[in-house]
Amino acid sequence: MQIETFLKEKKPSLLREWKLLLLEAYPEDSRNFFQREKDHFANPVGSILFSELDRLLDMVIEKKEGEELEDCLDKIIRIRAVQDLRPSEAIGFIFGLKGLVRKALEGFWGKSGSYANEMEEAIDRVGLLALDIYWRMKRQLQDLRVLELKRQYERLLVRAKVMAEIPEKNPG
């Protein structure tokens, strides 16, 4: 049996443990809610996180790269970037997958050293991509906050009659 096939067979237990790693960053009440509530409309965050985590695990096992991987990661990291999490909490679950895979592959270690190394390198690449996405999301949030502060300041100055509102020119 190939190791990739073995990991695909172990996927349900790997995914269950990986979900727990993902949820460690949240308070206990939130963790319980995410796990208990299965309705997509009642729990959109948990639904997106878990469905994309499932897709992500498939892509990691198959060592896929590219736009599909980035899209999947983007959905997870976008959610975690707007939450009050430290960067290590937001993306640490990805690196935690290494330990889960090592544990799953204990019986194959002797025969699969190169595959295990490739798998860990693939997880590292996914983690670094997640860090890039996290940074990009945080940067976008920062830019939006600065833009909103500028608008508020400008409205305040207009209200105080310190500055006159300049009407937009309509070329026409």
N, C-alpha and C. Protein backbone atom coordinates (compact mmCIF):
# COMPACT_ATOMS: atom_id res chain seq x y z
N MET A 1 0.84 -1.19 0.00
CA MET A 1 0.00 0.00 0.00
C MET A 1 0.88 1.24 0.00
N GLN A 2 0.52 2.20 -0.85
CA GLN A 2 1.27 3.45 -0.87
C GLN A 2 0.89 4.31 0.33
N ILE A 3 1.83 5.13 0.73
CA ILE A 3 1.60 5.97 1.91
C ILE A 3 0.51 6.99 1.66
N GLU A 4 0.46 7.54 0.45
CA GLU A 4 -0.59 8.51 0.13
C GLU A 4 -1.96 7.86 0.28
N THR A 5 -2.10 6.63 -0.18
CA THR A 5 -3.36 5.89 -0.03
C THR A 5 -3.65 5.63 1.44
N PHE A 6 -2.61 5.29 2.20
CA PHE A 6 -2.76 5.07 3.63
C PHE A 6 -3.28 6.33 4.32
N LEU A 7 -2.70 7.48 3.98
CA LEU A 7 -3.14 8.75 4.59
C LEU A 7 -4.57 9.09 4.19
N LYS A 8 -4.93 8.78 2.97
CA LYS A 8 -6.32 9.03 2.55
C LYS A 8 -7.28 8.16 3.35
N GLU A 9 -6.87 6.94 3.67
CA GLU A 9 -7.71 6.09 4.51
C GLU A 9 -7.78 6.62 5.93
N LYS A 10 -6.70 7.22 6.39
CA LYS A 10 -6.65 7.80 7.74
C LYS A 10 -7.26 9.20 7.80
N LYS A 11 -7.69 9.71 6.66
CA LYS A 11 -8.16 11.10 6.57
C LYS A 11 -9.24 11.45 7.60
N PRO A 12 -10.28 10.62 7.80
CA PRO A 12 -11.30 11.01 8.79
C PRO A 12 -10.72 11.29 10.18
N SER A 13 -9.82 10.43 10.64
CA SER A 13 -9.25 10.67 11.98
C SER A 13 -8.27 11.84 11.95
N LEU A 14 -7.50 11.98 10.86
CA LEU A 14 -6.60 13.13 10.72
C LEU A 14 -7.40 14.43 10.74
N LEU A 15 -8.49 14.44 9.98
CA LEU A 15 -9.32 15.65 9.89
C LEU A 15 -9.94 15.99 11.24
N ARG A 16 -10.41 14.99 11.94
CA ARG A 16 -11.02 15.22 13.26
C ARG A 16 -10.00 15.85 14.21
N GLU A 17 -8.78 15.32 14.23
CA GLU A 17 -7.73 15.87 15.10
C GLU A 17 -7.28 17.25 14.64
N TRP A 18 -7.25 17.46 13.32
CA TRP A 18 -6.84 18.76 12.79
C TRP A 18 -7.86 19.84 13.11
N LYS A 19 -9.13 19.47 13.09
CA LYS A 19 -10.19 20.42 13.47
C LYS A 19 -9.99 20.86 14.91
N LEU A 20 -9.63 19.91 15.77
CA LEU A 20 -9.38 20.26 17.18
C LEU A 20 -8.21 21.23 17.30
N LEU A 21 -7.16 21.02 16.50
CA LEU A 21 -6.03 21.96 16.50
C LEU A 21 -6.48 23.35 16.04
N LEU A 22 -7.29 23.39 15.01
CA LEU A 22 -7.79 24.66 14.49
C LEU A 22 -8.60 25.39 15.56
N LEU A 23 -9.38 24.64 16.31
CA LEU A 23 -10.28 25.24 17.30
C LEU A 23 -9.59 25.64 18.60
N GLU A 24 -8.36 25.20 18.81
CA GLU A 24 -7.66 25.53 20.05
C GLU A 24 -7.52 27.03 20.28
N ALA A 25 -7.52 27.82 19.22
CA ALA A 25 -7.33 29.27 19.34
C ALA A 25 -8.58 29.98 19.86
N TYR A 26 -9.71 29.27 19.88
CA TYR A 26 -10.98 29.89 20.26
C TYR A 26 -11.34 29.56 21.72
N PRO A 27 -12.14 30.44 22.34
CA PRO A 27 -12.63 30.14 23.68
C PRO A 27 -13.50 28.87 23.66
N GLU A 28 -13.66 28.25 24.82
CA GLU A 28 -14.37 26.98 24.90
C GLU A 28 -15.80 27.07 24.37
N ASP A 29 -16.51 28.15 24.68
CA ASP A 29 -17.89 28.29 24.20
C ASP A 29 -17.94 28.30 22.67
N SER A 30 -17.02 29.01 22.06
CA SER A 30 -16.98 29.07 20.60
C SER A 30 -16.63 27.71 20.01
N ARG A 31 -15.67 27.03 20.62
CA ARG A 31 -15.30 25.68 20.15
C ARG A 31 -16.49 24.75 20.17
N ASN A 32 -17.22 24.78 21.28
CA ASN A 32 -18.40 23.91 21.40
C ASN A 32 -19.45 24.27 20.36
N PHE A 33 -19.67 25.55 20.15
CA PHE A 33 -20.66 25.98 19.16
C PHE A 33 -20.24 25.54 17.76
N PHE A 34 -18.99 25.76 17.39
CA PHE A 34 -18.51 25.38 16.06
C PHE A 34 -18.69 23.88 15.82
N GLN A 35 -18.43 23.08 16.83
CA GLN A 35 -18.53 21.63 16.69
C GLN A 35 -19.98 21.14 16.72
N ARG A 36 -20.81 21.78 17.52
CA ARG A 36 -22.18 21.32 17.71
C ARG A 36 -23.10 21.75 16.58
N GLU A 37 -23.00 23.01 16.17
CA GLU A 37 -23.94 23.56 15.19
C GLU A 37 -23.52 23.19 13.77
N LYS A 38 -24.32 22.40 13.09
CA LYS A 38 -24.00 21.92 11.75
C LYS A 38 -24.67 22.74 10.65
N ASP A 39 -25.66 23.57 11.01
CA ASP A 39 -26.38 24.37 10.01
C ASP A 39 -25.48 25.47 9.46
N HIS A 40 -25.36 25.51 8.15
CA HIS A 40 -24.49 26.49 7.48
C HIS A 40 -24.93 27.93 7.79
N PHE A 41 -26.24 28.15 7.88
CA PHE A 41 -26.73 29.51 8.11
C PHE A 41 -26.59 29.94 9.57
N ALA A 42 -26.69 29.00 10.48
CA ALA A 42 -26.54 29.32 11.90
C ALA A 42 -25.06 29.42 12.29
N ASN A 43 -24.20 28.74 11.54
CA ASN A 43 -22.79 28.70 11.87
C ASN A 43 -21.95 28.83 10.59
N PRO A 44 -22.01 29.99 9.93
CA PRO A 44 -21.27 30.12 8.67
C PRO A 44 -19.76 30.04 8.84
N VAL A 45 -19.24 30.57 9.92
CA VAL A 45 -17.79 30.54 10.14
C VAL A 45 -17.31 29.10 10.31
N GLY A 46 -17.94 28.35 11.18
CA GLY A 46 -17.56 26.96 11.39
C GLY A 46 -17.73 26.13 10.13
N SER A 47 -18.81 26.38 9.42
CA SER A 47 -19.07 25.64 8.19
C SER A 47 -17.98 25.86 7.15
N ILE A 48 -17.60 27.11 6.97
CA ILE A 48 -16.54 27.44 5.99
C ILE A 48 -15.20 26.88 6.46
N LEU A 49 -14.88 27.08 7.74
CA LEU A 49 -13.60 26.59 8.26
C LEU A 49 -13.47 25.08 8.08
N PHE A 50 -14.51 24.34 8.44
CA PHE A 50 -14.42 22.88 8.39
C PHE A 50 -14.46 22.34 6.96
N SER A 51 -15.28 22.92 6.10
CA SER A 51 -15.32 22.41 4.72
C SER A 51 -14.00 22.71 3.99
N GLU A 52 -13.45 23.90 4.22
CA GLU A 52 -12.19 24.25 3.57
C GLU A 52 -11.02 23.48 4.18
N LEU A 53 -11.09 23.18 5.46
CA LEU A 53 -10.05 22.37 6.09
C LEU A 53 -10.03 20.96 5.49
N ASP A 54 -11.21 20.44 5.21
CA ASP A 54 -11.33 19.14 4.56
C ASP A 54 -10.66 19.17 3.18
N ARG A 55 -10.98 20.19 2.39
CA ARG A 55 -10.36 20.35 1.06
C ARG A 55 -8.84 20.52 1.18
N LEU A 56 -8.43 21.32 2.16
CA LEU A 56 -7.01 21.59 2.35
C LEU A 56 -6.25 20.32 2.69
N LEU A 57 -6.83 19.47 3.52
CA LEU A 57 -6.16 18.22 3.88
C LEU A 57 -5.96 17.34 2.64
N ASP A 58 -6.97 17.28 1.78
CA ASP A 58 -6.82 16.53 0.53
C ASP A 58 -5.66 17.08 -0.29
N MET A 59 -5.59 18.40 -0.40
CA MET A 59 -4.54 19.02 -1.21
C MET A 59 -3.15 18.80 -0.61
N VAL A 60 -3.06 18.81 0.72
CA VAL A 60 -1.77 18.58 1.37
C VAL A 60 -1.33 17.13 1.16
N ILE A 61 -2.25 16.19 1.33
CA ILE A 61 -1.91 14.78 1.13
C ILE A 61 -1.43 14.54 -0.30
N GLU A 62 -2.11 15.19 -1.26
CA GLU A 62 -1.73 15.03 -2.67
C GLU A 62 -0.60 15.97 -3.08
N LYS A 63 -0.15 16.79 -2.14
CA LYS A 63 0.93 17.77 -2.35
C LYS A 63 0.63 18.70 -3.53
N LYS A 64 -0.61 19.16 -3.59
CA LYS A 64 -1.02 20.08 -4.65
C LYS A 64 -0.54 21.49 -4.33
N GLU A 65 -0.34 22.25 -5.37
CA GLU A 65 0.03 23.66 -5.23
C GLU A 65 -0.78 24.44 -6.25
N GLY A 66 -0.72 25.75 -6.16
CA GLY A 66 -1.35 26.57 -7.17
C GLY A 66 -2.56 27.32 -6.67
N GLU A 67 -3.36 27.74 -7.63
CA GLU A 67 -4.48 28.63 -7.37
C GLU A 67 -5.56 28.00 -6.49
N GLU A 68 -5.83 26.72 -6.71
CA GLU A 68 -6.86 26.05 -5.91
C GLU A 68 -6.45 26.00 -4.43
N LEU A 69 -5.20 25.71 -4.18
CA LEU A 69 -4.68 25.69 -2.81
C LEU A 69 -4.77 27.08 -2.20
N GLU A 70 -4.36 28.08 -2.95
CA GLU A 70 -4.39 29.46 -2.44
C GLU A 70 -5.82 29.90 -2.15
N ASP A 71 -6.77 29.52 -3.00
CA ASP A 71 -8.17 29.88 -2.79
C ASP A 71 -8.70 29.25 -1.51
N CYS A 72 -8.39 28.00 -1.31
CA CYS A 72 -8.83 27.28 -0.11
C CYS A 72 -8.25 27.93 1.14
N LEU A 73 -6.96 28.17 1.13
CA LEU A 73 -6.29 28.82 2.27
C LEU A 73 -6.84 30.22 2.51
N ASP A 74 -7.10 30.94 1.42
CA ASP A 74 -7.61 32.30 1.52
C ASP A 74 -8.91 32.33 2.32
N LYS A 75 -9.80 31.38 2.07
CA LYS A 75 -11.08 31.35 2.78
C LYS A 75 -10.90 31.13 4.27
N ILE A 76 -9.96 30.28 4.63
CA ILE A 76 -9.72 30.01 6.05
C ILE A 76 -9.01 31.20 6.71
N ILE A 77 -7.96 31.67 6.08
CA ILE A 77 -7.14 32.72 6.66
C ILE A 77 -7.89 34.05 6.70
N ARG A 78 -8.73 34.31 5.73
CA ARG A 78 -9.54 35.55 5.72
C ARG A 78 -10.37 35.62 6.99
N ILE A 79 -10.98 34.51 7.37
CA ILE A 79 -11.79 34.47 8.60
C ILE A 79 -10.91 34.71 9.82
N ARG A 80 -9.79 34.02 9.86
CA ARG A 80 -8.94 34.10 11.04
C ARG A 80 -8.21 35.44 11.15
N ALA A 81 -8.02 36.13 10.03
CA ALA A 81 -7.34 37.43 10.04
C ALA A 81 -8.21 38.51 10.67
N VAL A 82 -9.53 38.40 10.54
CA VAL A 82 -10.40 39.43 11.12
C VAL A 82 -10.73 39.15 12.57
N GLN A 83 -10.38 37.95 13.04
CA GLN A 83 -10.62 37.62 14.44
C GLN A 83 -9.44 38.09 15.28
N ASP A 84 -9.67 38.16 16.55
CA ASP A 84 -8.64 38.67 17.46
C ASP A 84 -7.66 37.55 17.82
N LEU A 85 -6.89 37.12 16.83
CA LEU A 85 -5.92 36.05 17.02
C LEU A 85 -4.53 36.56 16.71
N ARG A 86 -3.56 36.06 17.46
CA ARG A 86 -2.17 36.35 17.11
C ARG A 86 -1.83 35.58 15.83
N PRO A 87 -0.84 36.04 15.07
CA PRO A 87 -0.47 35.31 13.84
C PRO A 87 -0.17 33.84 14.09
N SER A 88 0.49 33.53 15.18
CA SER A 88 0.81 32.12 15.48
C SER A 88 -0.46 31.31 15.72
N GLU A 89 -1.47 31.93 16.31
CA GLU A 89 -2.75 31.24 16.52
C GLU A 89 -3.52 31.11 15.21
N ALA A 90 -3.41 32.11 14.37
CA ALA A 90 -4.18 32.12 13.12
C ALA A 90 -3.69 31.05 12.14
N ILE A 91 -2.39 30.82 12.09
CA ILE A 91 -1.87 29.85 11.11
C ILE A 91 -1.16 28.66 11.73
N GLY A 92 -1.04 28.64 13.03
CA GLY A 92 -0.32 27.56 13.71
C GLY A 92 -0.90 26.17 13.48
N PHE A 93 -2.21 26.10 13.24
CA PHE A 93 -2.85 24.80 13.02
C PHE A 93 -2.25 24.08 11.81
N ILE A 94 -1.75 24.84 10.84
CA ILE A 94 -1.16 24.23 9.64
C ILE A 94 0.09 23.45 10.02
N PHE A 95 0.95 24.06 10.80
CA PHE A 95 2.18 23.39 11.20
C PHE A 95 1.90 22.24 12.17
N GLY A 96 0.80 22.32 12.88
CA GLY A 96 0.40 21.22 13.77
C GLY A 96 0.07 19.94 13.01
N LEU A 97 -0.25 20.09 11.74
CA LEU A 97 -0.55 18.91 10.92
C LEU A 97 0.66 17.99 10.80
N LYS A 98 1.85 18.54 10.88
CA LYS A 98 3.07 17.72 10.79
C LYS A 98 3.06 16.61 11.85
N GLY A 99 2.76 16.98 13.08
CA GLY A 99 2.73 16.01 14.16
C GLY A 99 1.65 14.96 13.96
N LEU A 100 0.50 15.39 13.44
CA LEU A 100 -0.58 14.44 13.19
C LEU A 100 -0.20 13.45 12.10
N VAL A 101 0.46 13.94 11.06
CA VAL A 101 0.88 13.06 9.96
C VAL A 101 1.97 12.11 10.46
N ARG A 102 2.93 12.62 11.23
CA ARG A 102 3.98 11.76 11.79
C ARG A 102 3.38 10.63 12.61
N LYS A 103 2.40 11.00 13.43
CA LYS A 103 1.74 10.02 14.29
C LYS A 103 1.01 8.97 13.44
N ALA A 104 0.35 9.42 12.38
CA ALA A 104 -0.38 8.50 11.50
C ALA A 104 0.58 7.57 10.75
N LEU A 105 1.77 8.07 10.46
CA LEU A 105 2.74 7.31 9.66
C LEU A 105 3.71 6.48 10.51
N GLU A 106 3.48 6.37 11.81
CA GLU A 106 4.42 5.66 12.67
C GLU A 106 4.74 4.26 12.15
N GLY A 107 3.77 3.56 11.62
CA GLY A 107 4.00 2.21 11.12
C GLY A 107 4.78 2.19 9.82
N PHE A 108 4.81 3.32 9.13
CA PHE A 108 5.48 3.38 7.84
C PHE A 108 6.85 4.06 7.91
N TRP A 109 7.25 4.56 9.07
CA TRP A 109 8.47 5.37 9.17
C TRP A 109 9.67 4.74 8.47
N GLY A 110 9.90 3.47 8.72
CA GLY A 110 11.08 2.83 8.15
C GLY A 110 11.08 2.86 6.64
N LYS A 111 9.92 2.66 6.03
CA LYS A 111 9.83 2.58 4.57
C LYS A 111 9.58 3.94 3.92
N SER A 112 9.16 4.92 4.70
CA SER A 112 8.64 6.13 4.09
C SER A 112 9.34 7.41 4.47
N GLY A 113 10.58 7.34 4.84
CA GLY A 113 11.29 8.53 5.28
C GLY A 113 11.26 9.64 4.26
N SER A 114 11.46 9.33 2.98
CA SER A 114 11.48 10.38 1.97
C SER A 114 10.09 10.96 1.77
N TYR A 115 9.05 10.12 1.80
CA TYR A 115 7.69 10.65 1.65
C TYR A 115 7.33 11.54 2.83
N ALA A 116 7.71 11.11 4.04
CA ALA A 116 7.42 11.90 5.23
C ALA A 116 8.12 13.25 5.13
N ASN A 117 9.37 13.27 4.65
CA ASN A 117 10.08 14.53 4.48
C ASN A 117 9.40 15.41 3.43
N GLU A 118 8.97 14.79 2.33
CA GLU A 118 8.25 15.55 1.30
C GLU A 118 6.95 16.11 1.86
N MET A 119 6.28 15.33 2.67
CA MET A 119 5.02 15.76 3.27
C MET A 119 5.25 16.94 4.20
N GLU A 120 6.29 16.86 5.01
CA GLU A 120 6.58 17.97 5.92
C GLU A 120 6.98 19.22 5.14
N GLU A 121 7.72 19.05 4.06
CA GLU A 121 8.06 20.20 3.22
C GLU A 121 6.81 20.80 2.59
N ALA A 122 5.87 19.95 2.17
CA ALA A 122 4.62 20.43 1.59
C ALA A 122 3.83 21.22 2.64
N ILE A 123 3.79 20.72 3.87
CA ILE A 123 3.09 21.42 4.95
C ILE A 123 3.77 22.76 5.23
N ASP A 124 5.10 22.77 5.22
CA ASP A 124 5.82 24.04 5.41
C ASP A 124 5.48 25.05 4.32
N ARG A 125 5.42 24.59 3.07
CA ARG A 125 5.06 25.50 1.97
C ARG A 125 3.65 26.04 2.15
N VAL A 126 2.73 25.18 2.57
CA VAL A 126 1.35 25.63 2.83
C VAL A 126 1.34 26.65 3.96
N GLY A 127 2.12 26.39 5.00
CA GLY A 127 2.21 27.33 6.12
C GLY A 127 2.77 28.68 5.72
N LEU A 128 3.78 28.68 4.88
CA LEU A 128 4.36 29.94 4.41
C LEU A 128 3.38 30.69 3.51
N LEU A 129 2.66 29.95 2.68
CA LEU A 129 1.64 30.58 1.84
C LEU A 129 0.54 31.18 2.72
N ALA A 130 0.16 30.46 3.77
CA ALA A 130 -0.84 30.97 4.71
C ALA A 130 -0.36 32.26 5.38
N LEU A 131 0.92 32.30 5.71
CA LEU A 131 1.49 33.51 6.31
C LEU A 131 1.41 34.69 5.34
N ASP A 132 1.72 34.44 4.06
CA ASP A 132 1.60 35.49 3.05
C ASP A 132 0.17 36.00 2.94
N ILE A 133 -0.78 35.07 2.93
CA ILE A 133 -2.20 35.45 2.83
C ILE A 133 -2.63 36.20 4.07
N TYR A 134 -2.21 35.72 5.24
CA TYR A 134 -2.55 36.40 6.49
C TYR A 134 -2.03 37.83 6.49
N TRP A 135 -0.79 38.01 6.08
CA TRP A 135 -0.20 39.34 6.02
C TRP A 135 -0.96 40.23 5.05
N ARG A 136 -1.32 39.70 3.89
CA ARG A 136 -2.07 40.47 2.90
C ARG A 136 -3.43 40.90 3.46
N MET A 137 -4.12 39.99 4.15
CA MET A 137 -5.42 40.32 4.74
C MET A 137 -5.28 41.38 5.83
N LYS A 138 -4.28 41.24 6.67
CA LYS A 138 -4.06 42.23 7.73
C LYS A 138 -3.75 43.60 7.13
N ARG A 139 -2.99 43.60 6.05
CA ARG A 139 -2.65 44.85 5.37
C ARG A 139 -3.90 45.51 4.79
N GLN A 140 -4.78 44.70 4.19
CA GLN A 140 -6.03 45.24 3.65
C GLN A 140 -6.90 45.80 4.77
N LEU A 141 -6.97 45.10 5.89
CA LEU A 141 -7.75 45.60 7.02
C LEU A 141 -7.18 46.91 7.55
N GLN A 142 -5.86 46.99 7.63
CA GLN A 142 -5.21 48.21 8.08
C GLN A 142 -5.50 49.37 7.13
N ASP A 143 -5.41 49.11 5.83
CA ASP A 143 -5.70 50.16 4.84
C ASP A 143 -7.15 50.64 4.95
N LEU A 144 -8.08 49.71 5.19
CA LEU A 144 -9.49 50.09 5.35
C LEU A 144 -9.69 50.93 6.60
N ARG A 145 -9.01 50.58 7.67
CA ARG A 145 -9.12 51.35 8.92
C ARG A 145 -8.57 52.77 8.73
N VAL A 146 -7.45 52.90 8.06
CA VAL A 146 -6.85 54.21 7.81
C VAL A 146 -7.78 55.05 6.93
N LEU A 147 -8.33 54.44 5.89
CA LEU A 147 -9.24 55.15 5.00
C LEU A 147 -10.48 55.63 5.76
N GLU A 148 -11.02 54.78 6.63
CA GLU A 148 -12.20 55.17 7.40
C GLU A 148 -11.86 56.29 8.39
N LEU A 149 -10.69 56.24 9.00
CA LEU A 149 -10.29 57.33 9.90
C LEU A 149 -10.15 58.65 9.15
N LYS A 150 -9.61 58.59 7.95
CA LYS A 150 -9.49 59.81 7.14
C LYS A 150 -10.87 60.37 6.82
N ARG A 151 -11.79 59.51 6.45
CA ARG A 151 -13.16 59.97 6.15
C ARG A 151 -13.82 60.58 7.37
N GLN A 152 -13.66 59.95 8.53
CA GLN A 152 -14.25 60.48 9.75
C GLN A 152 -13.65 61.84 10.10
N TYR A 153 -12.35 61.96 9.97
CA TYR A 153 -11.67 63.21 10.27
C TYR A 153 -12.14 64.31 9.32
N GLU A 154 -12.26 63.98 8.05
CA GLU A 154 -12.72 64.96 7.08
C GLU A 154 -14.15 65.41 7.38
N ARG A 155 -15.04 64.49 7.73
CA ARG A 155 -16.42 64.85 8.08
C ARG A 155 -16.45 65.72 9.32
N LEU A 156 -15.57 65.42 10.27
CA LEU A 156 -15.50 66.21 11.49
C LEU A 156 -15.09 67.64 11.17
N LEU A 157 -14.10 67.80 10.30
CA LEU A 157 -13.65 69.13 9.92
C LEU A 157 -14.74 69.89 9.16
N VAL A 158 -15.48 69.21 8.32
CA VAL A 158 -16.58 69.85 7.57
C VAL A 158 -17.66 70.28 8.54
N ARG A 159 -18.01 69.44 9.49
CA ARG A 159 -19.04 69.80 10.48
C ARG A 159 -18.60 70.98 11.33
N ALA A 160 -17.33 71.04 11.64
CA ALA A 160 -16.82 72.13 12.47
C ALA A 160 -16.61 73.40 11.64
N LYS A 161 -16.90 73.31 10.36
CA LYS A 161 -16.77 74.42 9.42
C LYS A 161 -15.33 74.94 9.33
N VAL A 162 -14.41 74.04 9.60
CA VAL A 162 -13.00 74.37 9.46
C VAL A 162 -12.58 74.13 8.00
N MET A 163 -13.30 73.23 7.38
CA MET A 163 -12.98 72.89 6.02
C MET A 163 -14.28 72.82 5.23
N ALA A 164 -14.27 73.33 4.06
CA ALA A 164 -15.46 73.27 3.21
C ALA A 164 -15.45 72.00 2.42
N GLU A 165 -16.64 71.46 2.22
CA GLU A 165 -16.74 70.24 1.42
C GLU A 165 -16.58 70.61 -0.05
N ILE A 166 -15.72 69.92 -0.71
CA ILE A 166 -15.48 70.18 -2.13
C ILE A 166 -16.35 69.22 -2.94
N PRO A 167 -17.27 69.80 -3.71
CA PRO A 167 -18.14 68.89 -4.49
C PRO A 167 -17.31 68.18 -5.56
N GLU A 168 -17.73 66.96 -5.84
CA GLU A 168 -17.04 66.19 -6.86
C GLU A 168 -17.35 66.78 -8.22
N LYS A 169 -16.34 66.87 -9.05
CA LYS A 169 -16.53 67.39 -10.39
C LYS A 169 -17.06 66.28 -11.26
N ASN A 170 -18.08 66.62 -12.01
CA ASN A 170 -18.68 65.65 -12.91
C ASN A 170 -18.38 66.07 -14.34
N PRO A 171 -17.42 65.42 -14.99
CA PRO A 171 -17.10 65.82 -16.36
C PRO A 171 -18.26 65.46 -17.28
N GLY A 172 -18.92 66.43 -17.73
CA GLY A 172 -20.05 66.09 -18.61
C GLY A 172 -20.69 67.28 -19.08
